[in-house]
Amino acid sequence: KRYDEFGEEAGWTLTLKEIVQIDKDSTKAVWYKRDFDAVVIASGRYNAPNIPSIPGLDVWNQRFPGRLRHSRQYRHPEPYAGQKVLIIGAANSGGEIARELSTHVKHVYVSVR
């Protein structure tokens, strides 16, 4: 969870890993933190919604309704304008949503297995 200057919950701060090429034959993992205003779970736009159980997610979703969405609920990119959005899942639905959001949001990030 991420908090604003007043101690109010304001989004998510996630620890991310990027694999960086060091030279021709080696890579290294670089860990960093990034803040997100919204999270889209893209486990299938046309499947039954499945949002995994993550500690604290239910409480956060109740406090900030509408910021956690399953790809099946996604319709248009405009409600996300100017935000930083994390898409979890890069199959067809995640990729399509990321592409649509990319011209409307501040940043879009895609998390894959």
PDB file of N, CA and C in Angstrom:
ATOM      1  N   LYS A   1       0.843  -1.170   0.000  1.00  0.00           N
ATOM      2  CA  LYS A   1       0.000   0.000   0.000  1.00  0.00           C
ATOM      3  C   LYS A   1       0.889   1.234   0.000  1.00  0.00           C
ATOM      4  N   ARG A   2       0.382   2.292  -0.599  1.00  0.00           N
ATOM      5  CA  ARG A   2       1.098   3.570  -0.625  1.00  0.00           C
ATOM      6  C   ARG A   2       0.237   4.598   0.084  1.00  0.00           C
ATOM      7  N   TYR A   3       0.870   5.493   0.842  1.00  0.00           N
ATOM      8  CA  TYR A   3       0.158   6.512   1.604  1.00  0.00           C
ATOM      9  C   TYR A   3       0.560   7.904   1.144  1.00  0.00           C
ATOM     10  N   ASP A   4      -0.393   8.836   1.169  1.00  0.00           N
ATOM     11  CA  ASP A   4      -0.084  10.217   0.800  1.00  0.00           C
ATOM     12  C   ASP A   4       0.450  10.969   2.019  1.00  0.00           C
ATOM     13  N   GLU A   5       0.679  12.279   1.864  1.00  0.00           N
ATOM     14  CA  GLU A   5       1.267  13.081   2.936  1.00  0.00           C
ATOM     15  C   GLU A   5       0.359  13.209   4.158  1.00  0.00           C
ATOM     16  N   PHE A   6      -0.919  12.861   4.024  1.00  0.00           N
ATOM     17  CA  PHE A   6      -1.863  12.924   5.138  1.00  0.00           C
ATOM     18  C   PHE A   6      -2.072  11.559   5.803  1.00  0.00           C
ATOM     19  N   GLY A   7      -1.315  10.551   5.357  1.00  0.00           N
ATOM     20  CA  GLY A   7      -1.440   9.218   5.914  1.00  0.00           C
ATOM     21  C   GLY A   7      -2.585   8.420   5.342  1.00  0.00           C
ATOM     22  N   GLU A   8      -3.203   8.936   4.287  1.00  0.00           N
ATOM     23  CA  GLU A   8      -4.310   8.244   3.635  1.00  0.00           C
ATOM     24  C   GLU A   8      -3.773   7.296   2.565  1.00  0.00           C
ATOM     25  N   GLU A   9      -4.413   6.140   2.422  1.00  0.00           N
ATOM     26  CA  GLU A   9      -4.007   5.209   1.377  1.00  0.00           C
ATOM     27  C   GLU A   9      -4.226   5.857   0.015  1.00  0.00           C
ATOM     28  N   ALA A  10      -3.219   5.738  -0.860  1.00  0.00           N
ATOM     29  CA  ALA A  10      -3.279   6.440  -2.142  1.00  0.00           C
ATOM     30  C   ALA A  10      -2.899   5.558  -3.327  1.00  0.00           C
ATOM     31  N   GLY A  11      -2.717   4.295  -3.126  1.00  0.00           N
ATOM     32  CA  GLY A  11      -2.346   3.420  -4.238  1.00  0.00           C
ATOM     33  C   GLY A  11      -1.456   2.303  -3.754  1.00  0.00           C
ATOM     34  N   TRP A  12      -0.624   1.820  -4.654  1.00  0.00           N
ATOM     35  CA  TRP A  12       0.269   0.698  -4.368  1.00  0.00           C
ATOM     36  C   TRP A  12       1.700   1.083  -4.687  1.00  0.00           C
ATOM     37  N   THR A  13       2.626   0.663  -3.852  1.00  0.00           N
ATOM     38  CA  THR A  13       4.049   0.718  -4.160  1.00  0.00           C
ATOM     39  C   THR A  13       4.494  -0.730  -4.289  1.00  0.00           C
ATOM     40  N   LEU A  14       4.972  -1.086  -5.466  1.00  0.00           N
ATOM     41  CA  LEU A  14       5.383  -2.459  -5.719  1.00  0.00           C
ATOM     42  C   LEU A  14       6.885  -2.539  -5.910  1.00  0.00           C
ATOM     43  N   THR A  15       7.458  -3.658  -5.512  1.00  0.00           N
ATOM     44  CA  THR A  15       8.860  -3.943  -5.772  1.00  0.00           C
ATOM     45  C   THR A  15       8.907  -4.762  -7.053  1.00  0.00           C
ATOM     46  N   LEU A  16       9.633  -4.263  -8.037  1.00  0.00           N
ATOM     47  CA  LEU A  16       9.699  -4.878  -9.358  1.00  0.00           C
ATOM     48  C   LEU A  16      11.108  -5.363  -9.650  1.00  0.00           C
ATOM     49  N   LYS A  17      11.195  -6.315 -10.567  1.00  0.00           N
ATOM     50  CA  LYS A  17      12.497  -6.850 -10.966  1.00  0.00           C
ATOM     51  C   LYS A  17      12.640  -6.704 -12.472  1.00  0.00           C
ATOM     52  N   GLU A  18      13.782  -6.191 -12.886  1.00  0.00           N
ATOM     53  CA  GLU A  18      14.106  -6.087 -14.307  1.00  0.00           C
ATOM     54  C   GLU A  18      15.388  -6.869 -14.549  1.00  0.00           C
ATOM     55  N   ILE A  19      15.398  -7.663 -15.601  1.00  0.00           N
ATOM     56  CA  ILE A  19      16.606  -8.399 -15.979  1.00  0.00           C
ATOM     57  C   ILE A  19      17.389  -7.520 -16.950  1.00  0.00           C
ATOM     58  N   VAL A  20      18.610  -7.173 -16.572  1.00  0.00           N
ATOM     59  CA  VAL A  20      19.439  -6.257 -17.347  1.00  0.00           C
ATOM     60  C   VAL A  20      20.606  -7.024 -17.957  1.00  0.00           C
ATOM     61  N   GLN A  21      20.844  -6.819 -19.240  1.00  0.00           N
ATOM     62  CA  GLN A  21      21.972  -7.435 -19.937  1.00  0.00           C
ATOM     63  C   GLN A  21      23.246  -6.709 -19.525  1.00  0.00           C
ATOM     64  N   ILE A  22      24.199  -7.445 -18.947  1.00  0.00           N
ATOM     65  CA  ILE A  22      25.465  -6.851 -18.530  1.00  0.00           C
ATOM     66  C   ILE A  22      26.471  -6.877 -19.678  1.00  0.00           C
ATOM     67  N   ASP A  23      26.556  -8.008 -20.299  1.00  0.00           N
ATOM     68  CA  ASP A  23      27.389  -8.146 -21.486  1.00  0.00           C
ATOM     69  C   ASP A  23      26.777  -9.238 -22.347  1.00  0.00           C
ATOM     70  N   LYS A  24      27.507  -9.664 -23.354  1.00  0.00           N
ATOM     71  CA  LYS A  24      26.972 -10.619 -24.325  1.00  0.00           C
ATOM     72  C   LYS A  24      26.434 -11.905 -23.690  1.00  0.00           C
ATOM     73  N   ASP A  25      27.068 -12.368 -22.627  1.00  0.00           N
ATOM     74  CA  ASP A  25      26.725 -13.667 -22.057  1.00  0.00           C
ATOM     75  C   ASP A  25      26.136 -13.626 -20.652  1.00  0.00           C
ATOM     76  N   SER A  26      25.881 -12.451 -20.114  1.00  0.00           N
ATOM     77  CA  SER A  26      25.375 -12.440 -18.739  1.00  0.00           C
ATOM     78  C   SER A  26      24.346 -11.339 -18.515  1.00  0.00           C
ATOM     79  N   THR A  27      23.501 -11.610 -17.534  1.00  0.00           N
ATOM     80  CA  THR A  27      22.472 -10.663 -17.115  1.00  0.00           C
ATOM     81  C   THR A  27      22.497 -10.559 -15.598  1.00  0.00           C
ATOM     82  N   LYS A  28      21.816  -9.554 -15.092  1.00  0.00           N
ATOM     83  CA  LYS A  28      21.652  -9.443 -13.644  1.00  0.00           C
ATOM     84  C   LYS A  28      20.253  -8.913 -13.353  1.00  0.00           C
ATOM     85  N   ALA A  29      19.769  -9.227 -12.175  1.00  0.00           N
ATOM     86  CA  ALA A  29      18.460  -8.748 -11.743  1.00  0.00           C
ATOM     87  C   ALA A  29      18.642  -7.419 -11.019  1.00  0.00           C
ATOM     88  N   VAL A  30      17.843  -6.431 -11.419  1.00  0.00           N
ATOM     89  CA  VAL A  30      17.846  -5.133 -10.766  1.00  0.00           C
ATOM     90  C   VAL A  30      16.460  -4.946 -10.147  1.00  0.00           C
ATOM     91  N   TRP A  31      16.407  -4.724  -8.835  1.00  0.00           N
ATOM     92  CA  TRP A  31      15.152  -4.538  -8.110  1.00  0.00           C
ATOM     93  C   TRP A  31      14.936  -3.056  -7.872  1.00  0.00           C
ATOM     94  N   TYR A  32      13.690  -2.602  -8.004  1.00  0.00           N
ATOM     95  CA  TYR A  32      13.361  -1.204  -7.757  1.00  0.00           C
ATOM     96  C   TYR A  32      11.893  -1.095  -7.340  1.00  0.00           C
ATOM     97  N   LYS A  33      11.516   0.046  -6.802  1.00  0.00           N
ATOM     98  CA  LYS A  33      10.133   0.275  -6.368  1.00  0.00           C
ATOM     99  C   LYS A  33       9.469   1.271  -7.316  1.00  0.00           C
ATOM    100  N   ARG A  34       8.173   1.065  -7.534  1.00  0.00           N
ATOM    101  CA  ARG A  34       7.408   1.953  -8.416  1.00  0.00           C
ATOM    102  C   ARG A  34       6.013   2.124  -7.820  1.00  0.00           C
ATOM    103  N   ASP A  35       5.465   3.341  -7.881  1.00  0.00           N
ATOM    104  CA  ASP A  35       4.123   3.633  -7.379  1.00  0.00           C
ATOM    105  C   ASP A  35       3.096   3.480  -8.489  1.00  0.00           C
ATOM    106  N   PHE A  36       1.904   2.975  -8.118  1.00  0.00           N
ATOM    107  CA  PHE A  36       0.807   2.799  -9.062  1.00  0.00           C
ATOM    108  C   PHE A  36      -0.480   3.358  -8.480  1.00  0.00           C
ATOM    109  N   ASP A  37      -1.274   4.000  -9.326  1.00  0.00           N
ATOM    110  CA  ASP A  37      -2.570   4.533  -8.926  1.00  0.00           C
ATOM    111  C   ASP A  37      -3.679   3.517  -9.120  1.00  0.00           C
ATOM    112  N   ALA A  38      -3.539   2.648 -10.095  1.00  0.00           N
ATOM    113  CA  ALA A  38      -4.570   1.659 -10.416  1.00  0.00           C
ATOM    114  C   ALA A  38      -3.903   0.349 -10.787  1.00  0.00           C
ATOM    115  N   VAL A  39      -4.642  -0.731 -10.621  1.00  0.00           N
ATOM    116  CA  VAL A  39      -4.155  -2.058 -10.968  1.00  0.00           C
ATOM    117  C   VAL A  39      -5.234  -2.745 -11.793  1.00  0.00           C
ATOM    118  N   VAL A  40      -4.861  -3.324 -12.936  1.00  0.00           N
ATOM    119  CA  VAL A  40      -5.770  -4.111 -13.766  1.00  0.00           C
ATOM    120  C   VAL A  40      -5.271  -5.543 -13.748  1.00  0.00           C
ATOM    121  N   ILE A  41      -6.122  -6.481 -13.368  1.00  0.00           N
ATOM    122  CA  ILE A  41      -5.768  -7.899 -13.378  1.00  0.00           C
ATOM    123  C   ILE A  41      -6.262  -8.467 -14.696  1.00  0.00           C
ATOM    124  N   ALA A  42      -5.352  -8.897 -15.566  1.00  0.00           N
ATOM    125  CA  ALA A  42      -5.710  -9.349 -16.910  1.00  0.00           C
ATOM    126  C   ALA A  42      -5.527 -10.850 -17.030  1.00  0.00           C
ATOM    127  N   SER A  43      -6.448 -11.577 -16.431  1.00  0.00           N
ATOM    128  CA  SER A  43      -6.368 -13.036 -16.507  1.00  0.00           C
ATOM    129  C   SER A  43      -7.391 -13.599 -17.494  1.00  0.00           C
ATOM    130  N   GLY A  44      -7.861 -12.771 -18.379  1.00  0.00           N
ATOM    131  CA  GLY A  44      -8.793 -13.227 -19.406  1.00  0.00           C
ATOM    132  C   GLY A  44      -9.985 -12.302 -19.524  1.00  0.00           C
ATOM    133  N   ARG A  45     -10.030 -11.534 -20.582  1.00  0.00           N
ATOM    134  CA  ARG A  45     -11.084 -10.554 -20.778  1.00  0.00           C
ATOM    135  C   ARG A  45     -12.449 -11.217 -20.943  1.00  0.00           C
ATOM    136  N   TYR A  46     -12.474 -12.432 -21.451  1.00  0.00           N
ATOM    137  CA  TYR A  46     -13.735 -13.101 -21.742  1.00  0.00           C
ATOM    138  C   TYR A  46     -13.960 -14.310 -20.852  1.00  0.00           C
ATOM    139  N   ASN A  47     -13.132 -14.475 -19.829  1.00  0.00           N
ATOM    140  CA  ASN A  47     -13.275 -15.578 -18.889  1.00  0.00           C
ATOM    141  C   ASN A  47     -13.960 -15.089 -17.623  1.00  0.00           C
ATOM    142  N   ALA A  48     -14.323 -16.022 -16.768  1.00  0.00           N
ATOM    143  CA  ALA A  48     -14.862 -15.652 -15.465  1.00  0.00           C
ATOM    144  C   ALA A  48     -13.773 -14.909 -14.699  1.00  0.00           C
ATOM    145  N   PRO A  49     -14.088 -13.760 -14.135  1.00  0.00           N
ATOM    146  CA  PRO A  49     -13.072 -12.988 -13.414  1.00  0.00           C
ATOM    147  C   PRO A  49     -12.444 -13.790 -12.281  1.00  0.00           C
ATOM    148  N   ASN A  50     -11.124 -13.744 -12.208  1.00  0.00           N
ATOM    149  CA  ASN A  50     -10.393 -14.404 -11.138  1.00  0.00           C
ATOM    150  C   ASN A  50      -9.346 -13.438 -10.625  1.00  0.00           C
ATOM    151  N   ILE A  51      -9.613 -12.840  -9.484  1.00  0.00           N
ATOM    152  CA  ILE A  51      -8.645 -11.953  -8.851  1.00  0.00           C
ATOM    153  C   ILE A  51      -8.063 -12.714  -7.672  1.00  0.00           C
ATOM    154  N   PRO A  52      -6.752 -12.969  -7.683  1.00  0.00           N
ATOM    155  CA  PRO A  52      -6.147 -13.782  -6.626  1.00  0.00           C
ATOM    156  C   PRO A  52      -6.264 -13.127  -5.257  1.00  0.00           C
ATOM    157  N   SER A  53      -6.232 -13.932  -4.228  1.00  0.00           N
ATOM    158  CA  SER A  53      -6.280 -13.448  -2.855  1.00  0.00           C
ATOM    159  C   SER A  53      -4.896 -12.942  -2.473  1.00  0.00           C
ATOM    160  N   ILE A  54      -4.790 -11.637  -2.257  1.00  0.00           N
ATOM    161  CA  ILE A  54      -3.524 -11.009  -1.869  1.00  0.00           C
ATOM    162  C   ILE A  54      -3.786 -10.282  -0.557  1.00  0.00           C
ATOM    163  N   PRO A  55      -2.978 -10.515   0.467  1.00  0.00           N
ATOM    164  CA  PRO A  55      -3.210  -9.852   1.758  1.00  0.00           C
ATOM    165  C   PRO A  55      -3.339  -8.331   1.595  1.00  0.00           C
ATOM    166  N   GLY A  56      -4.406  -7.769   2.134  1.00  0.00           N
ATOM    167  CA  GLY A  56      -4.638  -6.324   2.098  1.00  0.00           C
ATOM    168  C   GLY A  56      -5.398  -5.838   0.881  1.00  0.00           C
ATOM    169  N   LEU A  57      -5.534  -6.679  -0.131  1.00  0.00           N
ATOM    170  CA  LEU A  57      -6.177  -6.246  -1.380  1.00  0.00           C
ATOM    171  C   LEU A  57      -7.662  -5.942  -1.183  1.00  0.00           C
ATOM    172  N   ASP A  58      -8.367  -6.768  -0.419  1.00  0.00           N
ATOM    173  CA  ASP A  58      -9.787  -6.525  -0.177  1.00  0.00           C
ATOM    174  C   ASP A  58     -10.021  -5.206   0.545  1.00  0.00           C
ATOM    175  N   VAL A  59      -9.230  -4.935   1.558  1.00  0.00           N
ATOM    176  CA  VAL A  59      -9.380  -3.696   2.326  1.00  0.00           C
ATOM    177  C   VAL A  59      -9.093  -2.499   1.424  1.00  0.00           C
ATOM    178  N   TRP A  60      -8.021  -2.579   0.638  1.00  0.00           N
ATOM    179  CA  TRP A  60      -7.662  -1.486  -0.273  1.00  0.00           C
ATOM    180  C   TRP A  60      -8.763  -1.258  -1.298  1.00  0.00           C
ATOM    181  N   ASN A  61      -9.326  -2.333  -1.834  1.00  0.00           N
ATOM    182  CA  ASN A  61     -10.377  -2.234  -2.846  1.00  0.00           C
ATOM    183  C   ASN A  61     -11.652  -1.617  -2.254  1.00  0.00           C
ATOM    184  N   GLN A  62     -11.944  -1.896  -1.004  1.00  0.00           N
ATOM    185  CA  GLN A  62     -13.106  -1.276  -0.362  1.00  0.00           C
ATOM    186  C   GLN A  62     -12.870   0.208  -0.139  1.00  0.00           C
ATOM    187  N   ARG A  63     -11.660   0.564   0.194  1.00  0.00           N
ATOM    188  CA  ARG A  63     -11.332   1.976   0.448  1.00  0.00           C
ATOM    189  C   ARG A  63     -11.257   2.791  -0.842  1.00  0.00           C
ATOM    190  N   PHE A  64     -10.816   2.154  -1.930  1.00  0.00           N
ATOM    191  CA  PHE A  64     -10.687   2.818  -3.228  1.00  0.00           C
ATOM    192  C   PHE A  64     -11.460   2.048  -4.282  1.00  0.00           C
ATOM    193  N   PRO A  65     -12.776   2.050  -4.191  1.00  0.00           N
ATOM    194  CA  PRO A  65     -13.568   1.276  -5.150  1.00  0.00           C
ATOM    195  C   PRO A  65     -13.310   1.723  -6.591  1.00  0.00           C
ATOM    196  N   GLY A  66     -13.252   0.744  -7.483  1.00  0.00           N
ATOM    197  CA  GLY A  66     -13.071   1.050  -8.898  1.00  0.00           C
ATOM    198  C   GLY A  66     -11.635   1.146  -9.356  1.00  0.00           C
ATOM    199  N   ARG A  67     -10.681   1.102  -8.436  1.00  0.00           N
ATOM    200  CA  ARG A  67      -9.279   1.189  -8.846  1.00  0.00           C
ATOM    201  C   ARG A  67      -8.674  -0.175  -9.132  1.00  0.00           C
ATOM    202  N   LEU A  68      -9.269  -1.218  -8.631  1.00  0.00           N
ATOM    203  CA  LEU A  68      -8.833  -2.583  -8.928  1.00  0.00           C
ATOM    204  C   LEU A  68      -9.892  -3.179  -9.832  1.00  0.00           C
ATOM    205  N   ARG A  69      -9.490  -3.537 -11.033  1.00  0.00           N
ATOM    206  CA  ARG A  69     -10.457  -4.019 -12.010  1.00  0.00           C
ATOM    207  C   ARG A  69      -9.930  -5.286 -12.663  1.00  0.00           C
ATOM    208  N   HIS A  70     -10.825  -6.166 -12.984  1.00  0.00           N
ATOM    209  CA  HIS A  70     -10.490  -7.330 -13.787  1.00  0.00           C
ATOM    210  C   HIS A  70     -10.609  -6.911 -15.244  1.00  0.00           C
ATOM    211  N   SER A  71      -9.841  -7.529 -16.111  1.00  0.00           N
ATOM    212  CA  SER A  71      -9.879  -7.161 -17.533  1.00  0.00           C
ATOM    213  C   SER A  71     -11.277  -7.299 -18.123  1.00  0.00           C
ATOM    214  N   ARG A  72     -12.071  -8.161 -17.567  1.00  0.00           N
ATOM    215  CA  ARG A  72     -13.439  -8.322 -18.073  1.00  0.00           C
ATOM    216  C   ARG A  72     -14.277  -7.067 -17.827  1.00  0.00           C
ATOM    217  N   GLN A  73     -13.913  -6.276 -16.829  1.00  0.00           N
ATOM    218  CA  GLN A  73     -14.632  -5.045 -16.510  1.00  0.00           C
ATOM    219  C   GLN A  73     -14.142  -3.855 -17.326  1.00  0.00           C
ATOM    220  N   TYR A  74     -12.994  -3.991 -17.941  1.00  0.00           N
ATOM    221  CA  TYR A  74     -12.406  -2.886 -18.712  1.00  0.00           C
ATOM    222  C   TYR A  74     -13.205  -2.622 -19.985  1.00  0.00           C
ATOM    223  N   ARG A  75     -13.472  -1.343 -20.274  1.00  0.00           N
ATOM    224  CA  ARG A  75     -14.178  -0.975 -21.502  1.00  0.00           C
ATOM    225  C   ARG A  75     -13.431   0.072 -22.318  1.00  0.00           C
ATOM    226  N   HIS A  76     -12.981   1.145 -21.662  1.00  0.00           N
ATOM    227  CA  HIS A  76     -12.376   2.275 -22.365  1.00  0.00           C
ATOM    228  C   HIS A  76     -11.186   2.816 -21.576  1.00  0.00           C
ATOM    229  N   PRO A  77     -10.209   3.405 -22.254  1.00  0.00           N
ATOM    230  CA  PRO A  77      -9.024   3.906 -21.561  1.00  0.00           C
ATOM    231  C   PRO A  77      -9.220   5.258 -20.862  1.00  0.00           C
ATOM    232  N   GLU A  78     -10.229   6.021 -21.233  1.00  0.00           N
ATOM    233  CA  GLU A  78     -10.379   7.389 -20.722  1.00  0.00           C
ATOM    234  C   GLU A  78     -10.442   7.501 -19.197  1.00  0.00           C
ATOM    235  N   PRO A  79     -11.096   6.575 -18.477  1.00  0.00           N
ATOM    236  CA  PRO A  79     -11.127   6.727 -17.018  1.00  0.00           C
ATOM    237  C   PRO A  79      -9.748   6.648 -16.352  1.00  0.00           C
ATOM    238  N   TYR A  80      -8.746   6.159 -17.058  1.00  0.00           N
ATOM    239  CA  TYR A  80      -7.410   6.007 -16.505  1.00  0.00           C
ATOM    240  C   TYR A  80      -6.471   7.144 -16.922  1.00  0.00           C
ATOM    241  N   ALA A  81      -6.999   8.142 -17.601  1.00  0.00           N
ATOM    242  CA  ALA A  81      -6.171   9.232 -18.139  1.00  0.00           C
ATOM    243  C   ALA A  81      -5.296   9.852 -17.059  1.00  0.00           C
ATOM    244  N   GLY A  82      -4.008  10.012 -17.390  1.00  0.00           N
ATOM    245  CA  GLY A  82      -3.054  10.663 -16.509  1.00  0.00           C
ATOM    246  C   GLY A  82      -2.561   9.824 -15.343  1.00  0.00           C
ATOM    247  N   GLN A  83      -3.000   8.583 -15.221  1.00  0.00           N
ATOM    248  CA  GLN A  83      -2.606   7.737 -14.100  1.00  0.00           C
ATOM    249  C   GLN A  83      -1.452   6.818 -14.481  1.00  0.00           C
ATOM    250  N   LYS A  84      -0.833   6.228 -13.459  1.00  0.00           N
ATOM    251  CA  LYS A  84       0.138   5.160 -13.658  1.00  0.00           C
ATOM    252  C   LYS A  84      -0.610   3.862 -13.398  1.00  0.00           C
ATOM    253  N   VAL A  85      -0.630   2.963 -14.379  1.00  0.00           N
ATOM    254  CA  VAL A  85      -1.435   1.749 -14.297  1.00  0.00           C
ATOM    255  C   VAL A  85      -0.551   0.517 -14.423  1.00  0.00           C
ATOM    256  N   LEU A  86      -0.812  -0.457 -13.569  1.00  0.00           N
ATOM    257  CA  LEU A  86      -0.115  -1.739 -13.619  1.00  0.00           C
ATOM    258  C   LEU A  86      -1.085  -2.778 -14.152  1.00  0.00           C
ATOM    259  N   ILE A  87      -0.694  -3.481 -15.224  1.00  0.00           N
ATOM    260  CA  ILE A  87      -1.477  -4.586 -15.771  1.00  0.00           C
ATOM    261  C   ILE A  87      -0.786  -5.872 -15.327  1.00  0.00           C
ATOM    262  N   ILE A  88      -1.516  -6.731 -14.651  1.00  0.00           N
ATOM    263  CA  ILE A  88      -0.959  -8.014 -14.223  1.00  0.00           C
ATOM    264  C   ILE A  88      -1.468  -9.065 -15.194  1.00  0.00           C
ATOM    265  N   GLY A  89      -0.563  -9.604 -16.014  1.00  0.00           N
ATOM    266  CA  GLY A  89      -0.925 -10.586 -17.036  1.00  0.00           C
ATOM    267  C   GLY A  89      -0.706 -10.004 -18.421  1.00  0.00           C
ATOM    268  N   ALA A  90      -0.021 -10.748 -19.276  1.00  0.00           N
ATOM    269  CA  ALA A  90       0.313 -10.222 -20.595  1.00  0.00           C
ATOM    270  C   ALA A  90      -0.184 -11.118 -21.716  1.00  0.00           C
ATOM    271  N   ALA A  91      -1.226 -11.882 -21.450  1.00  0.00           N
ATOM    272  CA  ALA A  91      -1.827 -12.660 -22.537  1.00  0.00           C
ATOM    273  C   ALA A  91      -2.607 -11.675 -23.419  1.00  0.00           C
ATOM    274  N   ASN A  92      -3.478 -12.172 -24.238  1.00  0.00           N
ATOM    275  CA  ASN A  92      -4.191 -11.301 -25.176  1.00  0.00           C
ATOM    276  C   ASN A  92      -4.865 -10.117 -24.512  1.00  0.00           C
ATOM    277  N   SER A  93      -5.637 -10.363 -23.458  1.00  0.00           N
ATOM    278  CA  SER A  93      -6.373  -9.260 -22.833  1.00  0.00           C
ATOM    279  C   SER A  93      -5.425  -8.227 -22.227  1.00  0.00           C
ATOM    280  N   GLY A  94      -4.397  -8.669 -21.513  1.00  0.00           N
ATOM    281  CA  GLY A  94      -3.453  -7.730 -20.914  1.00  0.00           C
ATOM    282  C   GLY A  94      -2.737  -6.893 -21.953  1.00  0.00           C
ATOM    283  N   GLY A  95      -2.295  -7.532 -23.034  1.00  0.00           N
ATOM    284  CA  GLY A  95      -1.613  -6.806 -24.106  1.00  0.00           C
ATOM    285  C   GLY A  95      -2.515  -5.813 -24.807  1.00  0.00           C
ATOM    286  N   GLU A  96      -3.750  -6.215 -25.068  1.00  0.00           N
ATOM    287  CA  GLU A  96      -4.703  -5.307 -25.726  1.00  0.00           C
ATOM    288  C   GLU A  96      -5.013  -4.094 -24.854  1.00  0.00           C
ATOM    289  N   ILE A  97      -5.238  -4.336 -23.580  1.00  0.00           N
ATOM    290  CA  ILE A  97      -5.554  -3.232 -22.672  1.00  0.00           C
ATOM    291  C   ILE A  97      -4.349  -2.309 -22.522  1.00  0.00           C
ATOM    292  N   ALA A  98      -3.157  -2.864 -22.382  1.00  0.00           N
ATOM    293  CA  ALA A  98      -1.949  -2.039 -22.266  1.00  0.00           C
ATOM    294  C   ALA A  98      -1.772  -1.154 -23.495  1.00  0.00           C
ATOM    295  N   ARG A  99      -2.004  -1.720 -24.674  1.00  0.00           N
ATOM    296  CA  ARG A  99      -1.877  -0.937 -25.907  1.00  0.00           C
ATOM    297  C   ARG A  99      -2.886   0.204 -25.923  1.00  0.00           C
ATOM    298  N   GLU A 100      -4.124  -0.076 -25.564  1.00  0.00           N
ATOM    299  CA  GLU A 100      -5.149   0.974 -25.558  1.00  0.00           C
ATOM    300  C   GLU A 100      -4.841   2.057 -24.529  1.00  0.00           C
ATOM    301  N   LEU A 101      -4.385   1.654 -23.360  1.00  0.00           N
ATOM    302  CA  LEU A 101      -4.099   2.619 -22.297  1.00  0.00           C
ATOM    303  C   LEU A 101      -2.893   3.491 -22.605  1.00  0.00           C
ATOM    304  N   SER A 102      -1.948   2.978 -23.371  1.00  0.00           N
ATOM    305  CA  SER A 102      -0.649   3.639 -23.549  1.00  0.00           C
ATOM    306  C   SER A 102      -0.747   5.074 -24.062  1.00  0.00           C
ATOM    307  N   THR A 103      -1.773   5.412 -24.785  1.00  0.00           N
ATOM    308  CA  THR A 103      -1.899   6.780 -25.304  1.00  0.00           C
ATOM    309  C   THR A 103      -2.730   7.684 -24.385  1.00  0.00           C
ATOM    310  N   HIS A 104      -3.207   7.155 -23.275  1.00  0.00           N
ATOM    311  CA  HIS A 104      -4.062   7.933 -22.379  1.00  0.00           C
ATOM    312  C   HIS A 104      -3.481   8.122 -20.980  1.00  0.00           C
ATOM    313  N   VAL A 105      -2.622   7.208 -20.556  1.00  0.00           N
ATOM    314  CA  VAL A 105      -2.132   7.240 -19.182  1.00  0.00           C
ATOM    315  C   VAL A 105      -0.742   7.850 -19.101  1.00  0.00           C
ATOM    316  N   LYS A 106      -0.339   8.201 -17.877  1.00  0.00           N
ATOM    317  CA  LYS A 106       1.010   8.715 -17.659  1.00  0.00           C
ATOM    318  C   LYS A 106       2.030   7.618 -17.956  1.00  0.00           C
ATOM    319  N   HIS A 107       1.816   6.427 -17.383  1.00  0.00           N
ATOM    320  CA  HIS A 107       2.665   5.258 -17.620  1.00  0.00           C
ATOM    321  C   HIS A 107       1.807   4.014 -17.513  1.00  0.00           C
ATOM    322  N   VAL A 108       2.127   3.006 -18.316  1.00  0.00           N
ATOM    323  CA  VAL A 108       1.497   1.693 -18.170  1.00  0.00           C
ATOM    324  C   VAL A 108       2.617   0.668 -18.029  1.00  0.00           C
ATOM    325  N   TYR A 109       2.470  -0.194 -17.030  1.00  0.00           N
ATOM    326  CA  TYR A 109       3.436  -1.246 -16.768  1.00  0.00           C
ATOM    327  C   TYR A 109       2.720  -2.575 -16.885  1.00  0.00           C
ATOM    328  N   VAL A 110       3.413  -3.579 -17.376  1.00  0.00           N
ATOM    329  CA  VAL A 110       2.833  -4.911 -17.528  1.00  0.00           C
ATOM    330  C   VAL A 110       3.687  -5.902 -16.747  1.00  0.00           C
ATOM    331  N   SER A 111       3.032  -6.656 -15.857  1.00  0.00           N
ATOM    332  CA  SER A 111       3.711  -7.680 -15.073  1.00  0.00           C
ATOM    333  C   SER A 111       3.395  -9.037 -15.654  1.00  0.00           C
ATOM    334  N   VAL A 112       4.429  -9.838 -15.893  1.00  0.00           N
ATOM    335  CA  VAL A 112       4.252 -11.179 -16.457  1.00  0.00           C
ATOM    336  C   VAL A 112       4.947 -12.197 -15.554  1.00  0.00           C
ATOM    337  N   ARG A 113       4.602 -13.456 -15.743  1.00  0.00           N
ATOM    338  CA  ARG A 113       5.246 -14.506 -14.939  1.00  0.00           C
ATOM    339  C   ARG A 113       6.701 -14.614 -15.267  1.00  0.00           C
TER     340      ARG A 113
END
